C-alpha atoms as a PDB file:
ATOM      1  CA  MET A   1      21.972 -31.904  24.019  1.00  0.00           C
ATOM      2  CA  SER A   2      19.439 -30.574  26.408  1.00  0.00           C
ATOM      3  CA  SER A   3      16.021 -28.793  24.653  1.00  0.00           C
ATOM      4  CA  ASP A   4      16.449 -25.029  23.705  1.00  0.00           C
ATOM      5  CA  SER A   5      14.086 -22.757  22.869  1.00  0.00           C
ATOM      6  CA  THR A   6      12.289 -24.986  20.000  1.00  0.00           C
ATOM      7  CA  GLY A   7      11.624 -27.379  22.815  1.00  0.00           C
ATOM      8  CA  ALA A   8      12.883 -30.410  20.239  1.00  0.00           C
ATOM      9  CA  GLU A   9      15.275 -32.197  21.383  1.00  0.00           C
ATOM     10  CA  GLY A  10      18.378 -31.857  19.793  1.00  0.00           C
ATOM     11  CA  THR A  11      17.518 -29.212  16.958  1.00  0.00           C
ATOM     12  CA  HIS A  12      18.579 -25.406  16.078  1.00  0.00           C
ATOM     13  CA  PRO A  13      16.371 -22.827  16.482  1.00  0.00           C
ATOM     14  CA  VAL A  14      15.264 -21.155  13.670  1.00  0.00           C
ATOM     15  CA  ASP A  15      17.037 -17.451  14.176  1.00  0.00           C
ATOM     16  CA  ILE A  16      13.954 -14.817  13.496  1.00  0.00           C
ATOM     17  CA  ASP A  17      15.347 -13.307  10.944  1.00  0.00           C
ATOM     18  CA  THR A  18      15.564 -16.648   8.675  1.00  0.00           C
ATOM     19  CA  ARG A  19      11.681 -16.980   9.681  1.00  0.00           C
ATOM     20  CA  ILE A  20      10.962 -13.640   8.762  1.00  0.00           C
ATOM     21  CA  ARG A  21      12.691 -14.027   5.247  1.00  0.00           C
ATOM     22  CA  ASP A  22      11.034 -17.536   4.434  1.00  0.00           C
ATOM     23  CA  LEU A  23       7.949 -16.840   5.831  1.00  0.00           C
ATOM     24  CA  PRO A  24       5.482 -18.581   3.093  1.00  0.00           C
ATOM     25  CA  VAL A  25       3.619 -14.906   2.282  1.00  0.00           C
ATOM     26  CA  ARG A  26       1.656 -14.680  -0.982  1.00  0.00           C
ATOM     27  CA  ALA A  27       0.989 -10.607  -1.561  1.00  0.00           C
ATOM     28  CA  GLU A  28      -1.037  -9.022  -4.830  1.00  0.00           C
ATOM     29  CA  ILE A  29      -2.938  -5.595  -4.932  1.00  0.00           C
ATOM     30  CA  ALA A  30      -6.657  -5.289  -6.043  1.00  0.00           C
ATOM     31  CA  ASP A  31      -7.288  -2.200  -6.938  1.00  0.00           C
ATOM     32  CA  ASP A  32      -7.196   0.134  -3.322  1.00  0.00           C
ATOM     33  CA  THR A  33      -6.144  -2.982  -0.990  1.00  0.00           C
ATOM     34  CA  LEU A  34      -3.771  -5.150  -0.363  1.00  0.00           C
ATOM     35  CA  ILE A  35      -4.155  -8.869  -0.009  1.00  0.00           C
ATOM     36  CA  LEU A  36      -1.581 -11.371   2.211  1.00  0.00           C
ATOM     37  CA  GLU A  37      -2.503 -14.817   2.582  1.00  0.00           C
ATOM     38  CA  VAL A  38      -0.130 -16.838   4.833  1.00  0.00           C
ATOM     39  CA  ASP A  39       0.272 -20.649   6.060  1.00  0.00           C
ATOM     40  CA  ILE A  40       1.125 -19.572   9.904  1.00  0.00           C
ATOM     41  CA  ALA A  41       0.870 -22.413  13.013  1.00  0.00           C
ATOM     42  CA  GLY A  42      -1.861 -21.811  14.874  1.00  0.00           C
ATOM     43  CA  THR A  43      -5.537 -23.200  15.125  1.00  0.00           C
ATOM     44  CA  GLU A  44      -8.419 -20.815  14.025  1.00  0.00           C
ATOM     45  CA  GLU A  45      -9.466 -20.569  18.001  1.00  0.00           C
ATOM     46  CA  GLN A  46      -5.058 -19.724  19.491  1.00  0.00           C
ATOM     47  CA  LEU A  47      -5.294 -17.500  15.579  1.00  0.00           C
ATOM     48  CA  TRP A  48      -8.628 -15.744  16.528  1.00  0.00           C
ATOM     49  CA  ARG A  49      -7.181 -14.511  20.149  1.00  0.00           C
ATOM     50  CA  ALA A  50      -3.874 -13.596  18.461  1.00  0.00           C
ATOM     51  CA  ILE A  51      -6.132 -11.011  16.347  1.00  0.00           C
ATOM     52  CA  THR A  52      -8.657  -9.851  18.554  1.00  0.00           C
ATOM     53  CA  ASP A  53      -7.289  -9.763  22.288  1.00  0.00           C
ATOM     54  CA  PRO A  54      -5.292  -6.973  23.568  1.00  0.00           C
ATOM     55  CA  GLU A  55      -3.234  -8.869  25.957  1.00  0.00           C
ATOM     56  CA  GLN A  56      -2.303 -11.788  22.556  1.00  0.00           C
ATOM     57  CA  LEU A  57      -1.914  -8.246  20.174  1.00  0.00           C
ATOM     58  CA  ALA A  58       0.892  -6.644  22.564  1.00  0.00           C
ATOM     59  CA  ARG A  59       2.617 -10.235  21.791  1.00  0.00           C
ATOM     60  CA  TRP A  60       2.816  -9.542  18.340  1.00  0.00           C
ATOM     61  CA  SER A  61       0.959  -6.892  16.482  1.00  0.00           C
ATOM     62  CA  PRO A  62       1.300  -3.138  16.239  1.00  0.00           C
ATOM     63  CA  VAL A  63      -2.035  -2.877  16.493  1.00  0.00           C
ATOM     64  CA  VAL A  64      -2.647  -3.265  20.681  1.00  0.00           C
ATOM     65  CA  PRO A  65      -6.334  -2.238  20.501  1.00  0.00           C
ATOM     66  CA  ASP A  66      -8.407  -0.516  24.032  1.00  0.00           C
ATOM     67  CA  ARG A  67     -10.696  -3.831  23.885  1.00  0.00           C
ATOM     68  CA  PRO A  68     -10.710  -6.934  22.793  1.00  0.00           C
ATOM     69  CA  LEU A  69     -12.053  -6.800  19.025  1.00  0.00           C
ATOM     70  CA  THR A  70     -14.879  -9.668  18.939  1.00  0.00           C
ATOM     71  CA  GLU A  71     -17.907  -6.802  19.380  1.00  0.00           C
ATOM     72  CA  VAL A  72     -19.096  -3.921  16.419  1.00  0.00           C
ATOM     73  CA  GLY A  73     -18.566  -0.875  17.991  1.00  0.00           C
ATOM     74  CA  PRO A  74     -15.551   2.344  18.629  1.00  0.00           C
ATOM     75  CA  ALA A  75     -11.809   0.575  19.774  1.00  0.00           C
ATOM     76  CA  LEU A  76      -8.626   2.693  19.852  1.00  0.00           C
ATOM     77  CA  SER A  77      -5.364   1.317  19.471  1.00  0.00           C
ATOM     78  CA  ARG A  78      -1.933   2.180  20.341  1.00  0.00           C
ATOM     79  CA  GLU A  79       1.410   0.415  19.145  1.00  0.00           C
ATOM     80  CA  ASN A  80       3.369   1.640  22.687  1.00  0.00           C
ATOM     81  CA  PRO A  81       0.832   2.326  25.202  1.00  0.00           C
ATOM     82  CA  GLU A  82       2.773   6.352  24.700  1.00  0.00           C
ATOM     83  CA  ASP A  83       1.506   6.795  21.503  1.00  0.00           C
ATOM     84  CA  ASP A  84      -1.356   8.629  21.163  1.00  0.00           C
ATOM     85  CA  PRO A  85      -4.363   6.579  19.887  1.00  0.00           C
ATOM     86  CA  VAL A  86      -5.453   5.279  16.254  1.00  0.00           C
ATOM     87  CA  THR A  87      -9.124   4.279  15.654  1.00  0.00           C
ATOM     88  CA  ALA A  88      -9.314   0.441  15.479  1.00  0.00           C
ATOM     89  CA  ASP A  89     -13.271   0.314  15.881  1.00  0.00           C
ATOM     90  CA  VAL A  90     -14.527  -3.038  14.671  1.00  0.00           C
ATOM     91  CA  LEU A  91     -16.347  -2.683  11.615  1.00  0.00           C
ATOM     92  CA  ALA A  92     -17.957  -6.646  11.417  1.00  0.00           C
ATOM     93  CA  THR A  93     -17.062 -10.212  12.511  1.00  0.00           C
ATOM     94  CA  ALA A  94     -18.733 -13.218  11.832  1.00  0.00           C
ATOM     95  CA  GLY A  95     -18.202 -16.233  14.518  1.00  0.00           C
ATOM     96  CA  GLN A  96     -14.709 -16.149  15.910  1.00  0.00           C
ATOM     97  CA  HIS A  97     -12.819 -16.304  11.922  1.00  0.00           C
ATOM     98  CA  ALA A  98     -13.904 -12.790  10.031  1.00  0.00           C
ATOM     99  CA  LEU A  99     -12.878  -9.608  11.376  1.00  0.00           C
ATOM    100  CA  THR A 100     -13.048  -6.561   9.954  1.00  0.00           C
ATOM    101  CA  HIS A 101     -11.303  -2.728  11.442  1.00  0.00           C
ATOM    102  CA  ARG A 102     -10.028  -0.108  11.241  1.00  0.00           C
ATOM    103  CA  TRP A 103      -6.514   0.910  11.408  1.00  0.00           C
ATOM    104  CA  GLY A 104      -6.308   4.656  11.578  1.00  0.00           C
ATOM    105  CA  ASP A 105      -6.872   5.032   7.872  1.00  0.00           C
ATOM    106  CA  ALA A 106      -6.500   1.348   6.719  1.00  0.00           C
ATOM    107  CA  THR A 107      -9.332  -1.021   6.757  1.00  0.00           C
ATOM    108  CA  MET A 108      -7.547  -4.452   7.822  1.00  0.00           C
ATOM    109  CA  GLY A 109     -10.170  -7.578   7.033  1.00  0.00           C
ATOM    110  CA  TRP A 110      -9.023 -10.747   8.728  1.00  0.00           C
ATOM    111  CA  MET A 111     -10.369 -13.780   7.782  1.00  0.00           C
ATOM    112  CA  ILE A 112      -8.926 -17.023   9.563  1.00  0.00           C
ATOM    113  CA  GLU A 113      -9.036 -21.099   8.587  1.00  0.00           C
ATOM    114  CA  GLU A 114      -7.083 -23.825  10.285  1.00  0.00           C
ATOM    115  CA  GLY A 115      -3.484 -22.787   9.867  1.00  0.00           C
ATOM    116  CA  ARG A 116      -4.608 -20.226   7.313  1.00  0.00           C
ATOM    117  CA  LEU A 117      -4.657 -16.078   7.322  1.00  0.00           C
ATOM    118  CA  ASP A 118      -5.644 -14.329   4.252  1.00  0.00           C
ATOM    119  CA  ILE A 119      -5.672 -10.541   5.546  1.00  0.00           C
ATOM    120  CA  GLN A 120      -6.818  -7.669   3.291  1.00  0.00           C
ATOM    121  CA  VAL A 121      -5.524  -4.296   3.872  1.00  0.00           C
ATOM    122  CA  GLY A 122      -7.492  -1.339   2.443  1.00  0.00           C
ATOM    123  CA  LEU A 123      -5.294   1.278   1.544  1.00  0.00           C
ATOM    124  CA  PRO A 124      -5.690   5.506   1.539  1.00  0.00           C
ATOM    125  CA  ASP A 125      -2.679   5.546  -0.731  1.00  0.00           C
ATOM    126  CA  VAL A 126      -1.866   1.988  -3.040  1.00  0.00           C
ATOM    127  CA  GLN A 127       1.609   2.939  -2.891  1.00  0.00           C
ATOM    128  CA  GLN A 128       2.181   2.205   0.928  1.00  0.00           C
ATOM    129  CA  ALA A 129       1.092  -1.467   0.242  1.00  0.00           C
ATOM    130  CA  GLN A 130       5.448  -2.516   0.185  1.00  0.00           C
ATOM    131  CA  TYR A 131       5.478  -0.623   3.350  1.00  0.00           C
ATOM    132  CA  PHE A 132       2.395  -2.983   4.415  1.00  0.00           C
ATOM    133  CA  ALA A 133       3.365  -5.831   3.147  1.00  0.00           C
ATOM    134  CA  ALA A 134       6.902  -5.837   4.549  1.00  0.00           C
ATOM    135  CA  GLY A 135       5.211  -4.588   8.019  1.00  0.00           C
ATOM    136  CA  TRP A 136       3.111  -7.561   7.858  1.00  0.00           C
ATOM    137  CA  GLN A 137       5.506 -10.513   7.087  1.00  0.00           C
ATOM    138  CA  VAL A 138       7.450  -9.179  10.030  1.00  0.00           C
ATOM    139  CA  CYS A 139       5.199  -9.303  12.783  1.00  0.00           C
ATOM    140  CA  LEU A 140       3.000 -12.039  11.641  1.00  0.00           C
ATOM    141  CA  ALA A 141       6.561 -14.731  12.064  1.00  0.00           C
ATOM    142  CA  VAL A 142       6.976 -13.524  15.007  1.00  0.00           C
ATOM    143  CA  LEU A 143       3.039 -14.374  15.464  1.00  0.00           C
ATOM    144  CA  ASP A 144       3.865 -17.744  13.858  1.00  0.00           C
ATOM    145  CA  ALA A 145       6.769 -18.339  16.083  1.00  0.00           C
ATOM    146  CA  GLN A 146       4.818 -18.357  19.787  1.00  0.00           C
ATOM    147  CA  LEU A 147       1.938 -20.334  17.848  1.00  0.00           C
ATOM    148  CA  SER A 148       4.413 -22.739  17.374  1.00  0.00           C
ATOM    149  CA  GLY A 149       5.804 -21.824  20.638  1.00  0.00           C
ATOM    150  CA  LEU A 150       8.835 -20.343  20.689  1.00  0.00           C
ATOM    151  CA  ASP A 151       9.777 -17.110  23.130  1.00  0.00           C
ATOM    152  CA  GLN A 152       9.838 -14.825  20.534  1.00  0.00           C
ATOM    153  CA  GLU A 153       9.505 -10.880  21.163  1.00  0.00           C
ATOM    154  CA  ARG A 154       7.405  -8.055  19.560  1.00  0.00           C
ATOM    155  CA  ILE A 155       9.315  -6.419  16.595  1.00  0.00           C
ATOM    156  CA  VAL A 156       7.766  -4.006  15.724  1.00  0.00           C
ATOM    157  CA  GLY A 157       8.381   0.114  15.025  1.00  0.00           C
ATOM    158  CA  MET A 158      11.220   1.042  13.642  1.00  0.00           C
ATOM    159  CA  GLU A 159      13.019  -1.894  15.237  1.00  0.00           C
ATOM    160  CA  ALA A 160      11.370  -3.805  12.077  1.00  0.00           C
ATOM    161  CA  MET A 161      14.195  -2.471  10.035  1.00  0.00           C
ATOM    162  CA  ASP A 162      17.320  -4.523  11.803  1.00  0.00           C
ATOM    163  CA  HIS A 163      15.284  -7.717  10.730  1.00  0.00           C
ATOM    164  CA  GLY A 164      15.266  -7.536   7.350  1.00  0.00           C
ATOM    165  CA  TRP A 165      12.073  -4.976   6.588  1.00  0.00           C
ATOM    166  CA  GLU A 166      14.245  -3.107   4.314  1.00  0.00           C
ATOM    167  CA  GLU A 167      14.670  -6.552   2.281  1.00  0.00           C
ATOM    168  CA  LEU A 168      11.228  -7.152   2.539  1.00  0.00           C
ATOM    169  CA  ARG A 169      10.103  -3.895   1.079  1.00  0.00           C
ATOM    170  CA  ALA A 170      12.116  -3.337  -1.665  1.00  0.00           C
ATOM    171  CA  ARG A 171      11.026  -7.082  -3.054  1.00  0.00           C
ATOM    172  CA  PHE A 172       7.309  -6.333  -2.686  1.00  0.00           C
ATOM    173  CA  ALA A 173       7.908  -2.901  -3.849  1.00  0.00           C
ATOM    174  CA  GLN A 174       9.437  -4.833  -6.994  1.00  0.00           C
ATOM    175  CA  GLU A 175       6.555  -7.339  -7.407  1.00  0.00           C
ATOM    176  CA  PHE A 176       4.229  -4.464  -6.819  1.00  0.00           C
ATOM    177  CA  GLY A 177       5.779  -2.257  -9.147  1.00  0.00           C
ATOM    178  CA  HIS A 178       5.823   0.490  -7.182  1.00  0.00           C
ATOM    179  CA  PRO A 179       8.319   2.979  -7.304  1.00  0.00           C
ATOM    180  CA  ASP A 180      11.489   1.732  -5.069  1.00  0.00           C
ATOM    181  CA  GLY A 181      10.827   3.988  -1.679  1.00  0.00           C
ATOM    182  CA  ALA A 182      12.793   4.464   0.905  1.00  0.00           C
ATOM    183  CA  ALA A 183      11.336   4.260   5.019  1.00  0.00           C
ATOM    184  CA  PRO A 184       8.612   6.368   5.647  1.00  0.00           C
ATOM    185  CA  GLU A 185       9.764   8.678   9.120  1.00  0.00           C
ATOM    186  CA  ALA A 186       8.810   7.415  11.943  1.00  0.00           C
END
């Protein structure tokens, strides 16, 4: 048997929906902040590039800034090139292992440790946590696949609905003790 997209001879690739569902994401809410911890493929350097470099972000994230997110200052982000921009101002960085930036009305804090990302999402309404947690789990599974050497395309926006987003959202709503609400309009 020849090598498949996993790069391992004789193995079957894990489909992205299984990878999304099984990604080891720990989620909790503290005050108005969603805290996500995820074990993920990649070195600290690879993860830093993945969360700061616009070309890398465009491969897996809904946050695609108009400049690298490596220095404090203004930035704009678009999920897709035709979208209206949202604020992505960098508020703080610490070496190549911590980044805090805006994402519209939310604030994103990223902490990198070898093989792990800790993400804090400051939300304007904590009831949104179920939506953010589900969306980020989808995106982080794509990043994990890419850093594992797979040729996985980005899954953002309404496309996530076809990859288990709704089931994740419902699970997070239950975990957080939030009302089980329908997906927000696109």
